[in-house]
Protein backbone atom coordinates (compact mmCIF):
# COMPACT_ATOMS: atom_id res chain seq x y z
CA MET A 1 0.21 0.09 0.12
CA SER A 2 2.73 2.23 0.89
CA ARG A 3 4.28 2.03 -2.59
CA LEU A 4 0.89 2.77 -4.20
CA LEU A 5 0.64 6.05 -1.98
CA ILE A 6 4.19 7.09 -2.90
CA ALA A 7 3.45 6.57 -6.59
CA GLY A 8 0.11 8.41 -6.40
CA ASN A 9 1.97 11.43 -4.74
CA ILE A 10 4.60 11.26 -7.52
CA ALA A 11 1.93 11.20 -10.20
CA LEU A 12 0.38 14.33 -8.58
CA LEU A 13 3.56 16.06 -8.86
CA LEU A 14 3.43 15.75 -12.48
CA LEU A 15 -0.27 16.10 -12.91
CA PHE A 16 -0.72 19.38 -10.84
CA PRO A 17 1.38 21.40 -13.23
CA ILE A 18 -0.45 20.03 -16.37
CA SER A 19 -3.90 20.95 -14.74
CA TRP A 20 -2.57 24.37 -14.18
CA ALA A 21 -1.85 25.01 -17.96
CA ALA A 22 -4.90 22.93 -19.00
CA PRO A 23 -8.08 24.91 -20.13
CA LEU A 24 -10.48 24.84 -17.06
CA LEU A 25 -13.12 26.94 -19.03
CA ARG A 26 -14.19 28.44 -22.29
CA ALA A 27 -15.82 31.83 -21.87
CA GLY A 28 -17.14 34.26 -24.32
CA LEU A 29 -19.06 37.48 -24.27
CA LEU A 30 -21.52 36.49 -27.09
CA PRO A 31 -22.55 33.16 -28.60
CA LEU A 32 -21.50 34.43 -32.05
CA PHE A 33 -17.86 34.87 -31.30
CA GLY A 34 -15.23 32.27 -30.23
CA LEU A 35 -14.72 31.12 -26.73
CA SER A 36 -11.48 32.01 -25.04
CA GLU A 37 -9.94 29.30 -22.90
CA ILE A 38 -9.03 30.21 -19.40
CA SER A 39 -6.63 28.00 -17.28
CA VAL A 40 -5.42 28.57 -13.73
CA LEU A 41 -2.14 30.13 -15.12
CA SER A 42 -3.92 32.39 -17.50
CA GLY A 43 -6.34 33.45 -14.69
CA ILE A 44 -3.57 34.39 -12.36
CA ALA A 45 -1.79 36.23 -15.12
CA SER A 46 -5.00 38.25 -15.87
CA LEU A 47 -5.51 39.02 -12.12
CA TRP A 48 -1.82 40.10 -12.05
CA ASP A 49 -2.51 42.72 -14.65
CA THR A 50 -5.51 44.16 -12.36
CA ASP A 51 -5.06 43.19 -8.88
CA ILE A 52 -1.60 41.82 -7.69
CA ALA A 53 -2.86 41.03 -4.23
CA LEU A 54 -5.82 38.74 -5.44
CA ALA A 55 -3.39 37.19 -8.10
CA LEU A 56 -0.92 36.31 -5.05
CA VAL A 57 -3.80 34.85 -3.01
CA VAL A 58 -5.25 32.75 -5.80
CA ALA A 59 -1.68 31.58 -6.81
CA ALA A 60 -1.09 30.54 -3.01
CA PHE A 61 -4.35 28.64 -2.85
CA ALA A 62 -4.12 27.01 -6.36
CA LEU A 63 -0.43 26.51 -6.95
CA VAL A 64 1.74 26.61 -3.63
CA PHE A 65 -0.60 24.92 -1.13
CA PRO A 66 -1.45 21.81 -3.15
CA MET A 67 2.06 21.41 -4.24
CA ALA A 68 3.55 21.83 -0.82
CA LYS A 69 0.87 19.29 0.57
CA THR A 70 1.71 16.77 -2.01
CA LEU A 71 5.59 17.22 -1.37
CA ALA A 72 5.19 17.25 2.37
CA LEU A 73 3.00 14.08 2.16
CA LEU A 74 5.76 12.48 -0.02
CA ALA A 75 8.41 13.42 2.29
CA VAL A 76 6.66 11.94 5.23
CA GLN A 77 5.89 8.71 3.38
CA LEU A 78 9.64 8.44 2.16
CA GLY A 79 10.85 8.85 5.75
CA TRP A 80 12.36 12.28 5.11
CA LEU A 81 10.10 14.06 7.54
CA GLY A 82 8.91 12.71 10.86
CA GLY A 83 5.44 12.07 11.91
CA ARG A 84 5.19 15.51 13.74
CA TRP A 85 4.48 16.84 10.35
CA SER A 86 0.94 15.33 10.18
CA GLY A 87 -0.63 18.36 11.70
CA TRP A 88 0.81 20.57 9.15
CA LEU A 89 -0.50 18.26 6.36
CA GLY A 90 -3.99 18.79 7.56
CA THR A 91 -3.66 22.47 7.54
CA LEU A 92 -2.25 22.39 4.01
CA GLY A 93 -4.74 20.15 2.91
CA ARG A 94 -7.55 22.38 4.07
CA LEU A 95 -5.73 25.34 2.33
CA ALA A 96 -5.35 23.30 -0.77
CA MET A 97 -9.05 22.73 -0.97
CA ALA A 98 -9.87 26.29 -1.22
CA ASP A 99 -9.06 26.44 -4.93
CA VAL A 100 -11.77 24.21 -5.81
CA PHE A 101 -14.28 26.56 -3.97
CA LEU A 102 -12.81 29.53 -5.88
CA VAL A 103 -13.07 27.77 -9.39
CA ALA A 104 -16.70 26.81 -8.46
CA LEU A 105 -17.44 30.38 -7.36
CA TYR A 106 -16.10 31.75 -10.54
CA VAL A 107 -18.21 29.30 -12.76
CA THR A 108 -21.39 29.96 -10.80
CA LEU A 109 -20.85 33.83 -11.13
CA ALA A 110 -20.01 33.59 -14.64
CA LYS A 111 -23.27 31.55 -15.50
CA GLY A 112 -25.33 33.57 -13.19
CA ILE A 113 -24.48 36.94 -14.95
CA GLY A 114 -25.88 35.55 -18.18
CA VAL A 115 -24.17 38.17 -20.54
CA GLY A 116 -21.81 35.64 -21.92
CA ARG A 117 -21.32 31.97 -22.26
CA VAL A 118 -19.17 29.74 -20.09
CA GLU A 119 -18.33 25.99 -20.74
CA THR A 120 -16.16 23.80 -18.69
CA ALA A 121 -13.13 22.24 -20.46
CA TRP A 122 -11.25 19.09 -19.84
CA GLY A 123 -8.58 20.81 -17.64
CA LEU A 124 -11.37 21.32 -14.99
CA TRP A 125 -11.91 17.67 -14.85
CA LEU A 126 -7.98 17.09 -14.40
CA PHE A 127 -7.80 19.69 -11.80
CA THR A 128 -10.71 18.43 -9.89
CA PHE A 129 -9.25 14.78 -10.08
CA CYS A 130 -5.89 16.06 -8.83
CA VAL A 131 -7.48 17.62 -5.79
CA LEU A 132 -9.73 14.75 -5.07
CA ALA A 133 -6.65 12.29 -5.59
CA SER A 134 -4.48 14.57 -3.34
CA LEU A 135 -7.62 14.34 -0.62
CA ALA A 136 -7.85 10.56 -0.86
CA LEU A 137 -4.11 9.89 -0.71
CA SER A 138 -3.91 12.05 2.47
CA GLN A 139 -6.70 10.01 4.00
CA LEU A 140 -5.37 6.65 3.02
CA ALA A 141 -1.82 7.77 4.38
CA LYS A 142 -3.53 8.85 7.55
CA ARG A 143 -5.32 5.36 7.79
CA GLN A 144 -1.96 3.68 7.08
CA GLU A 145 -0.23 5.69 9.74
CA THR A 146 -3.04 4.96 12.42
CA ALA A 147 -3.04 1.24 11.50
CA GLY A 148 0.85 1.22 11.58
CA GLY A 149 0.86 3.06 14.97
CA MET A 150 -1.67 0.70 16.50
CA ALA A 151 0.19 -2.48 15.11
CA GLY A 152 3.59 -1.05 16.42
CA GLY A 153 2.08 -0.27 19.70
CA ALA A 154 0.58 -3.54 19.91
CA SER A 155 3.66 -5.41 19.21
CA ARG A 156 5.63 -3.52 21.90
CA ARG A 157 3.41 -4.72 24.89
């Protein structure tokens, strides 16, 4: 099981950057015109032009926290970091989930305005998969740690 968790985290280290560049949405002002593709990276770049502080916040929640959580979990699984990092992994996990809320909020707002047209693209599915896989890997690692701790404690008695 441990090897599968490590492989899953390594896969996420490769898939997260792909999901950031992949088109999340296609948006256009009027149905007659072509739709522009929007990715996490292009969204942050657009925000950078208008609101640097918001761009930094979105970059932290969408890029930095998910990657930091994945790297930290991998480091714990490989034995590079001790178990005391488990609390930080939970905090990073909660911060990394905020990006899903942001994407959902943007899609809801864009569709609710009704001025233009918004379609989801394959990158949204990839990005969602990465976030959910990260959550699942964290939960499996926590269960494995708990089971290992119980087994280790029982064998010491």
